[in-house]
Amino acid sequence: MDTREVTKILKEYNNDRISIKETLQRLEEATPLDLYMSEVSLIEEGFSGEELAHISQLFLILVKGSSKEMLVKLDQEHPIKRLVEEHERVKSLLLVMEAHIKNKDIKTDLEKTVKFFIKTIDELKKHFDREEKVLFPRLNDQNKIGRTILLKEEHGELLDMRDELDQALSEGIPDPDDTQEILFDIITDLRMHTFFENDMLYPTALEILDDWDEIKKETDKIGYCEFEPM
């Protein structure tokens, strides 16, 4: 679809001029690249984070599962496949952590839970570096810059929450209510973050970038995540 047409439809939805049903019908032929470029246009026009979050709920429906189709075509060592597989590992860990927090007395095992989260986020720094130092600059060179700025900011926010947990540990026994809120914030943010990258950013990168051998050399130098079992 034409980016201008997709952007126009998204604006109409954001302004409550059309229903979500009509919006989804009119955008059913839109590809992840179409949606990505339309969101870049909205960012450039000054749409707020709240407005973009509202619109992103549509993307959850429109491009759900596109990453699975994408992975079938990729070599096991492809940089994008490695990124997606790390996301899948993170999503599994989040499910375990969420069940742990909900179903057990968090006060009993709080320190262990927090330390595990910190180690998980620490491992993700290599994942973030491969995106920020290798993938994002190439997308920016193709004038696909808008979303990469927001994704980098989200990386920073996740690292900030990691630091909050670490600070809480250093001060003694963390407050259960405050700590649980931070943990759930991390879970929520990581889920939305990994969705957008898996189903929109990565398919867009595969469509517009072509120097994957060089990208792999650069990402190999940074290294890959080695998550501890829960």
C-alpha atoms as a PDB file:
ATOM      1  CA  MET A   1       0.000   0.000   0.000  1.00  0.00           C
ATOM      2  CA  ASP A   2       1.022   3.595  -0.496  1.00  0.00           C
ATOM      3  CA  THR A   3       2.569   5.051   2.679  1.00  0.00           C
ATOM      4  CA  ARG A   4       0.497   8.224   2.377  1.00  0.00           C
ATOM      5  CA  GLU A   5      -2.727   6.222   2.218  1.00  0.00           C
ATOM      6  CA  VAL A   6      -1.785   4.086   5.213  1.00  0.00           C
ATOM      7  CA  THR A   7      -0.830   7.211   7.180  1.00  0.00           C
ATOM      8  CA  LYS A   8      -4.145   8.854   6.280  1.00  0.00           C
ATOM      9  CA  ILE A   9      -6.102   5.828   7.541  1.00  0.00           C
ATOM     10  CA  LEU A  10      -4.115   5.731  10.781  1.00  0.00           C
ATOM     11  CA  LYS A  11      -4.833   9.423  11.366  1.00  0.00           C
ATOM     12  CA  GLU A  12      -8.539   8.876  10.812  1.00  0.00           C
ATOM     13  CA  TYR A  13      -8.493   6.045  13.331  1.00  0.00           C
ATOM     14  CA  ASN A  14      -6.530   8.102  15.842  1.00  0.00           C
ATOM     15  CA  ASN A  15      -9.060  10.932  15.524  1.00  0.00           C
ATOM     16  CA  ASP A  16     -11.991   8.515  16.027  1.00  0.00           C
ATOM     17  CA  ARG A  17     -13.314   9.143  12.536  1.00  0.00           C
ATOM     18  CA  ILE A  18     -13.404   5.454  11.689  1.00  0.00           C
ATOM     19  CA  SER A  19     -13.887   2.356  13.834  1.00  0.00           C
ATOM     20  CA  ILE A  20     -11.211  -0.194  14.572  1.00  0.00           C
ATOM     21  CA  LYS A  21     -13.119  -2.695  12.423  1.00  0.00           C
ATOM     22  CA  GLU A  22     -13.115  -0.383   9.393  1.00  0.00           C
ATOM     23  CA  THR A  23      -9.469   0.511  10.004  1.00  0.00           C
ATOM     24  CA  LEU A  24      -8.409  -3.131  10.020  1.00  0.00           C
ATOM     25  CA  GLN A  25     -10.415  -3.817   6.867  1.00  0.00           C
ATOM     26  CA  ARG A  26      -8.821  -0.906   5.010  1.00  0.00           C
ATOM     27  CA  LEU A  27      -5.332  -1.904   6.139  1.00  0.00           C
ATOM     28  CA  GLU A  28      -5.590  -5.653   5.590  1.00  0.00           C
ATOM     29  CA  GLU A  29      -3.209  -5.474   2.614  1.00  0.00           C
ATOM     30  CA  ALA A  30      -0.612  -3.364   4.449  1.00  0.00           C
ATOM     31  CA  THR A  31       2.786  -4.991   4.934  1.00  0.00           C
ATOM     32  CA  PRO A  32       5.043  -4.512   7.984  1.00  0.00           C
ATOM     33  CA  LEU A  33       7.114  -2.109   5.859  1.00  0.00           C
ATOM     34  CA  ASP A  34       3.989  -0.083   4.976  1.00  0.00           C
ATOM     35  CA  LEU A  35       3.054   0.224   8.633  1.00  0.00           C
ATOM     36  CA  TYR A  36       6.613   0.946   9.730  1.00  0.00           C
ATOM     37  CA  MET A  37       7.023   3.762   7.199  1.00  0.00           C
ATOM     38  CA  SER A  38       3.628   5.219   8.091  1.00  0.00           C
ATOM     39  CA  GLU A  39       4.576   5.314  11.754  1.00  0.00           C
ATOM     40  CA  VAL A  40       7.852   7.030  10.827  1.00  0.00           C
ATOM     41  CA  SER A  41       5.752   9.671   9.059  1.00  0.00           C
ATOM     42  CA  LEU A  42       3.570  10.135  12.138  1.00  0.00           C
ATOM     43  CA  ILE A  43       6.648  10.498  14.347  1.00  0.00           C
ATOM     44  CA  GLU A  44       8.049  13.128  11.997  1.00  0.00           C
ATOM     45  CA  GLU A  45       4.731  14.987  12.205  1.00  0.00           C
ATOM     46  CA  GLY A  46       5.042  15.115  15.987  1.00  0.00           C
ATOM     47  CA  PHE A  47       2.592  12.446  17.146  1.00  0.00           C
ATOM     48  CA  SER A  48       2.843  11.911  20.892  1.00  0.00           C
ATOM     49  CA  GLY A  49       3.913   8.696  22.591  1.00  0.00           C
ATOM     50  CA  GLU A  50       0.338   8.213  23.788  1.00  0.00           C
ATOM     51  CA  GLU A  51      -1.014   8.540  20.245  1.00  0.00           C
ATOM     52  CA  LEU A  52       1.588   6.130  18.889  1.00  0.00           C
ATOM     53  CA  ALA A  53       0.802   3.616  21.642  1.00  0.00           C
ATOM     54  CA  HIS A  54      -2.890   3.831  20.683  1.00  0.00           C
ATOM     55  CA  ILE A  55      -2.068   3.193  17.030  1.00  0.00           C
ATOM     56  CA  SER A  56       0.381   0.406  17.856  1.00  0.00           C
ATOM     57  CA  GLN A  57      -2.481  -1.673  19.230  1.00  0.00           C
ATOM     58  CA  LEU A  58      -3.604  -2.040  15.610  1.00  0.00           C
ATOM     59  CA  PHE A  59      -0.192  -3.347  14.609  1.00  0.00           C
ATOM     60  CA  LEU A  60      -0.517  -6.161  17.144  1.00  0.00           C
ATOM     61  CA  ILE A  61      -3.472  -7.423  15.131  1.00  0.00           C
ATOM     62  CA  LEU A  62      -2.335  -6.578  11.593  1.00  0.00           C
ATOM     63  CA  VAL A  63       1.136  -8.117  11.606  1.00  0.00           C
ATOM     64  CA  LYS A  64       0.774 -10.840  14.224  1.00  0.00           C
ATOM     65  CA  GLY A  65       2.829 -13.851  13.237  1.00  0.00           C
ATOM     66  CA  SER A  66       4.818 -12.227  10.448  1.00  0.00           C
ATOM     67  CA  SER A  67       8.045 -13.066  12.272  1.00  0.00           C
ATOM     68  CA  LYS A  68       7.270 -16.802  12.056  1.00  0.00           C
ATOM     69  CA  GLU A  69       6.931 -16.623   8.272  1.00  0.00           C
ATOM     70  CA  MET A  70      10.130 -14.600   8.089  1.00  0.00           C
ATOM     71  CA  LEU A  71      12.183 -17.078  10.117  1.00  0.00           C
ATOM     72  CA  VAL A  72      11.463 -20.019   7.818  1.00  0.00           C
ATOM     73  CA  LYS A  73      13.447 -18.346   5.047  1.00  0.00           C
ATOM     74  CA  LEU A  74      16.508 -17.468   7.140  1.00  0.00           C
ATOM     75  CA  ASP A  75      19.712 -19.373   7.755  1.00  0.00           C
ATOM     76  CA  GLN A  76      20.247 -20.471  11.358  1.00  0.00           C
ATOM     77  CA  GLU A  77      23.137 -18.001  11.804  1.00  0.00           C
ATOM     78  CA  HIS A  78      21.419 -15.029  10.156  1.00  0.00           C
ATOM     79  CA  PRO A  79      21.680 -11.898  12.381  1.00  0.00           C
ATOM     80  CA  ILE A  80      17.921 -11.377  12.357  1.00  0.00           C
ATOM     81  CA  LYS A  81      17.219 -14.982  13.275  1.00  0.00           C
ATOM     82  CA  ARG A  82      19.596 -14.673  16.238  1.00  0.00           C
ATOM     83  CA  LEU A  83      17.788 -11.526  17.397  1.00  0.00           C
ATOM     84  CA  VAL A  84      14.355 -13.159  17.120  1.00  0.00           C
ATOM     85  CA  GLU A  85      15.505 -16.286  18.927  1.00  0.00           C
ATOM     86  CA  GLU A  86      16.789 -14.152  21.793  1.00  0.00           C
ATOM     87  CA  HIS A  87      13.408 -12.438  21.915  1.00  0.00           C
ATOM     88  CA  GLU A  88      11.674 -15.803  22.102  1.00  0.00           C
ATOM     89  CA  ARG A  89      13.945 -16.805  24.968  1.00  0.00           C
ATOM     90  CA  VAL A  90      13.135 -13.548  26.765  1.00  0.00           C
ATOM     91  CA  LYS A  91       9.395 -14.034  26.251  1.00  0.00           C
ATOM     92  CA  SER A  92       9.607 -17.519  27.765  1.00  0.00           C
ATOM     93  CA  LEU A  93      11.518 -16.153  30.746  1.00  0.00           C
ATOM     94  CA  LEU A  94       8.914 -13.439  31.222  1.00  0.00           C
ATOM     95  CA  LEU A  95       6.136 -16.030  31.377  1.00  0.00           C
ATOM     96  CA  VAL A  96       8.033 -17.942  34.051  1.00  0.00           C
ATOM     97  CA  MET A  97       8.748 -14.767  36.008  1.00  0.00           C
ATOM     98  CA  GLU A  98       5.161 -13.566  35.765  1.00  0.00           C
ATOM     99  CA  ALA A  99       3.825 -16.886  37.065  1.00  0.00           C
ATOM    100  CA  HIS A 100       6.406 -16.840  39.849  1.00  0.00           C
ATOM    101  CA  ILE A 101       5.370 -13.370  40.953  1.00  0.00           C
ATOM    102  CA  LYS A 102       1.624 -14.064  40.755  1.00  0.00           C
ATOM    103  CA  ASN A 103       1.510 -17.529  42.261  1.00  0.00           C
ATOM    104  CA  LYS A 104       4.057 -17.315  45.060  1.00  0.00           C
ATOM    105  CA  ASP A 105       4.606 -15.035  48.003  1.00  0.00           C
ATOM    106  CA  ILE A 106       7.009 -12.535  46.458  1.00  0.00           C
ATOM    107  CA  LYS A 107       8.399 -11.647  49.884  1.00  0.00           C
ATOM    108  CA  THR A 108       9.724 -15.190  50.300  1.00  0.00           C
ATOM    109  CA  ASP A 109      12.010 -15.182  47.264  1.00  0.00           C
ATOM    110  CA  LEU A 110      12.182 -11.507  46.344  1.00  0.00           C
ATOM    111  CA  GLU A 111      15.953 -11.104  46.346  1.00  0.00           C
ATOM    112  CA  LYS A 112      16.447 -14.107  44.068  1.00  0.00           C
ATOM    113  CA  THR A 113      13.741 -12.832  41.697  1.00  0.00           C
ATOM    114  CA  VAL A 114      15.287  -9.376  41.456  1.00  0.00           C
ATOM    115  CA  LYS A 115      18.802 -10.732  40.914  1.00  0.00           C
ATOM    116  CA  PHE A 116      17.530 -12.960  38.121  1.00  0.00           C
ATOM    117  CA  PHE A 117      15.863 -10.018  36.405  1.00  0.00           C
ATOM    118  CA  ILE A 118      19.038  -7.957  36.655  1.00  0.00           C
ATOM    119  CA  LYS A 119      21.097 -10.748  35.051  1.00  0.00           C
ATOM    120  CA  THR A 120      18.548 -11.084  32.257  1.00  0.00           C
ATOM    121  CA  ILE A 121      18.656  -7.372  31.462  1.00  0.00           C
ATOM    122  CA  ASP A 122      22.468  -7.417  31.663  1.00  0.00           C
ATOM    123  CA  GLU A 123      22.581 -10.120  28.991  1.00  0.00           C
ATOM    124  CA  LEU A 124      20.213  -8.080  26.824  1.00  0.00           C
ATOM    125  CA  LYS A 125      22.798  -5.283  26.633  1.00  0.00           C
ATOM    126  CA  LYS A 126      24.568  -7.294  23.917  1.00  0.00           C
ATOM    127  CA  HIS A 127      21.263  -7.620  22.074  1.00  0.00           C
ATOM    128  CA  PHE A 128      20.681  -3.869  22.370  1.00  0.00           C
ATOM    129  CA  ASP A 129      24.232  -3.128  21.193  1.00  0.00           C
ATOM    130  CA  ARG A 130      23.829  -5.231  18.050  1.00  0.00           C
ATOM    131  CA  GLU A 131      20.687  -3.294  17.195  1.00  0.00           C
ATOM    132  CA  GLU A 132      21.938   0.168  18.128  1.00  0.00           C
ATOM    133  CA  LYS A 133      25.449  -0.130  16.665  1.00  0.00           C
ATOM    134  CA  VAL A 134      24.797  -2.285  13.607  1.00  0.00           C
ATOM    135  CA  LEU A 135      21.136  -2.446  12.568  1.00  0.00           C
ATOM    136  CA  PHE A 136      19.708   0.952  13.528  1.00  0.00           C
ATOM    137  CA  PRO A 137      22.419   3.056  11.805  1.00  0.00           C
ATOM    138  CA  ARG A 138      21.802   1.227   8.529  1.00  0.00           C
ATOM    139  CA  LEU A 139      18.065   1.849   8.770  1.00  0.00           C
ATOM    140  CA  ASN A 140      18.752   5.490   9.599  1.00  0.00           C
ATOM    141  CA  ASP A 141      20.913   5.774   6.478  1.00  0.00           C
ATOM    142  CA  GLN A 142      17.843   4.640   4.522  1.00  0.00           C
ATOM    143  CA  ASN A 143      15.771   7.447   6.105  1.00  0.00           C
ATOM    144  CA  LYS A 144      13.907   4.954   8.289  1.00  0.00           C
ATOM    145  CA  ILE A 145      15.010   6.833  11.374  1.00  0.00           C
ATOM    146  CA  GLY A 146      11.873   7.684  13.355  1.00  0.00           C
ATOM    147  CA  ARG A 147      11.157   4.406  15.088  1.00  0.00           C
ATOM    148  CA  THR A 148      14.766   3.502  15.769  1.00  0.00           C
ATOM    149  CA  ILE A 149      15.055   6.577  17.998  1.00  0.00           C
ATOM    150  CA  LEU A 150      12.068   5.411  20.054  1.00  0.00           C
ATOM    151  CA  LEU A 151      13.374   1.844  20.249  1.00  0.00           C
ATOM    152  CA  LYS A 152      16.730   3.102  21.507  1.00  0.00           C
ATOM    153  CA  GLU A 153      14.901   5.170  24.129  1.00  0.00           C
ATOM    154  CA  GLU A 154      13.004   2.039  25.194  1.00  0.00           C
ATOM    155  CA  HIS A 155      16.331   0.235  25.628  1.00  0.00           C
ATOM    156  CA  GLY A 156      17.418   3.063  27.907  1.00  0.00           C
ATOM    157  CA  GLU A 157      14.207   2.901  29.912  1.00  0.00           C
ATOM    158  CA  LEU A 158      14.627  -0.844  30.459  1.00  0.00           C
ATOM    159  CA  LEU A 159      18.206  -0.296  31.631  1.00  0.00           C
ATOM    160  CA  ASP A 160      16.986   2.438  33.968  1.00  0.00           C
ATOM    161  CA  MET A 161      14.477   0.034  35.521  1.00  0.00           C
ATOM    162  CA  ARG A 162      17.270  -2.507  35.878  1.00  0.00           C
ATOM    163  CA  ASP A 163      19.260   0.122  37.796  1.00  0.00           C
ATOM    164  CA  GLU A 164      16.261   0.803  40.054  1.00  0.00           C
ATOM    165  CA  LEU A 165      16.153  -2.873  40.983  1.00  0.00           C
ATOM    166  CA  ASP A 166      19.893  -2.948  41.595  1.00  0.00           C
ATOM    167  CA  GLN A 167      19.645   0.150  43.793  1.00  0.00           C
ATOM    168  CA  ALA A 168      16.829  -1.432  45.786  1.00  0.00           C
ATOM    169  CA  LEU A 169      18.991  -4.509  46.408  1.00  0.00           C
ATOM    170  CA  SER A 170      21.961  -2.440  47.519  1.00  0.00           C
ATOM    171  CA  GLU A 171      19.834  -0.693  50.142  1.00  0.00           C
ATOM    172  CA  GLY A 172      18.787  -3.919  51.813  1.00  0.00           C
ATOM    173  CA  ILE A 173      15.559  -5.894  51.481  1.00  0.00           C
ATOM    174  CA  PRO A 174      13.566  -4.334  48.604  1.00  0.00           C
ATOM    175  CA  ASP A 175      10.043  -3.105  49.227  1.00  0.00           C
ATOM    176  CA  PRO A 176       7.771  -5.871  47.834  1.00  0.00           C
ATOM    177  CA  ASP A 177       5.080  -3.588  46.422  1.00  0.00           C
ATOM    178  CA  ASP A 178       7.482  -1.172  44.723  1.00  0.00           C
ATOM    179  CA  THR A 179       9.641  -3.976  43.386  1.00  0.00           C
ATOM    180  CA  GLN A 180       6.695  -5.944  42.047  1.00  0.00           C
ATOM    181  CA  GLU A 181       5.507  -2.839  40.188  1.00  0.00           C
ATOM    182  CA  ILE A 182       8.923  -2.423  38.545  1.00  0.00           C
ATOM    183  CA  LEU A 183       9.018  -6.100  37.602  1.00  0.00           C
ATOM    184  CA  PHE A 184       5.612  -5.943  35.946  1.00  0.00           C
ATOM    185  CA  ASP A 185       6.599  -2.716  34.143  1.00  0.00           C
ATOM    186  CA  ILE A 186       9.628  -4.507  32.711  1.00  0.00           C
ATOM    187  CA  ILE A 187       7.490  -7.473  31.641  1.00  0.00           C
ATOM    188  CA  THR A 188       4.949  -5.214  29.902  1.00  0.00           C
ATOM    189  CA  ASP A 189       7.566  -3.033  28.208  1.00  0.00           C
ATOM    190  CA  LEU A 190       9.629  -5.984  26.984  1.00  0.00           C
ATOM    191  CA  ARG A 191       6.579  -7.695  25.494  1.00  0.00           C
ATOM    192  CA  MET A 192       5.578  -4.643  23.464  1.00  0.00           C
ATOM    193  CA  HIS A 193       9.174  -3.933  22.524  1.00  0.00           C
ATOM    194  CA  THR A 194       9.876  -7.449  21.271  1.00  0.00           C
ATOM    195  CA  PHE A 195       6.581  -7.528  19.361  1.00  0.00           C
ATOM    196  CA  PHE A 196       7.390  -4.365  17.420  1.00  0.00           C
ATOM    197  CA  GLU A 197      10.906  -5.456  16.572  1.00  0.00           C
ATOM    198  CA  ASN A 198       9.948  -9.023  15.611  1.00  0.00           C
ATOM    199  CA  ASP A 199       6.935  -8.236  13.482  1.00  0.00           C
ATOM    200  CA  MET A 200       7.724  -4.792  12.060  1.00  0.00           C
ATOM    201  CA  LEU A 201      11.337  -3.677  12.425  1.00  0.00           C
ATOM    202  CA  TYR A 202      13.040  -6.928  11.428  1.00  0.00           C
ATOM    203  CA  PRO A 203      10.836  -7.619   8.362  1.00  0.00           C
ATOM    204  CA  THR A 204      11.474  -4.019   7.290  1.00  0.00           C
ATOM    205  CA  ALA A 205      15.236  -4.486   7.699  1.00  0.00           C
ATOM    206  CA  LEU A 206      15.156  -7.687   5.644  1.00  0.00           C
ATOM    207  CA  GLU A 207      13.319  -5.904   2.861  1.00  0.00           C
ATOM    208  CA  ILE A 208      15.542  -2.842   2.549  1.00  0.00           C
ATOM    209  CA  LEU A 209      19.040  -3.960   3.665  1.00  0.00           C
ATOM    210  CA  ASP A 210      21.311  -6.220   1.629  1.00  0.00           C
ATOM    211  CA  ASP A 211      24.753  -6.317   3.317  1.00  0.00           C
ATOM    212  CA  TRP A 212      23.927  -9.152   5.685  1.00  0.00           C
ATOM    213  CA  ASP A 213      27.380 -10.789   5.474  1.00  0.00           C
ATOM    214  CA  GLU A 214      28.962  -7.608   6.815  1.00  0.00           C
ATOM    215  CA  ILE A 215      26.192  -7.194   9.382  1.00  0.00           C
ATOM    216  CA  LYS A 216      26.898 -10.717  10.646  1.00  0.00           C
ATOM    217  CA  LYS A 217      30.628  -9.972  11.019  1.00  0.00           C
ATOM    218  CA  GLU A 218      29.837  -6.886  13.082  1.00  0.00           C
ATOM    219  CA  THR A 219      27.254  -8.616  15.270  1.00  0.00           C
ATOM    220  CA  ASP A 220      29.567 -11.596  15.840  1.00  0.00           C
ATOM    221  CA  LYS A 221      32.156  -9.206  17.303  1.00  0.00           C
ATOM    222  CA  ILE A 222      29.625  -7.847  19.810  1.00  0.00           C
ATOM    223  CA  GLY A 223      28.461 -11.303  20.883  1.00  0.00           C
ATOM    224  CA  TYR A 224      25.180 -12.999  21.744  1.00  0.00           C
ATOM    225  CA  CYS A 225      23.077 -13.426  24.853  1.00  0.00           C
ATOM    226  CA  GLU A 226      23.647 -16.345  27.202  1.00  0.00           C
ATOM    227  CA  PHE A 227      20.627 -16.438  29.491  1.00  0.00           C
ATOM    228  CA  GLU A 228      20.672 -18.342  32.753  1.00  0.00           C
ATOM    229  CA  PRO A 229      17.935 -20.923  33.312  1.00  0.00           C
ATOM    230  CA  MET A 230      15.221 -19.920  35.803  1.00  0.00           C
END
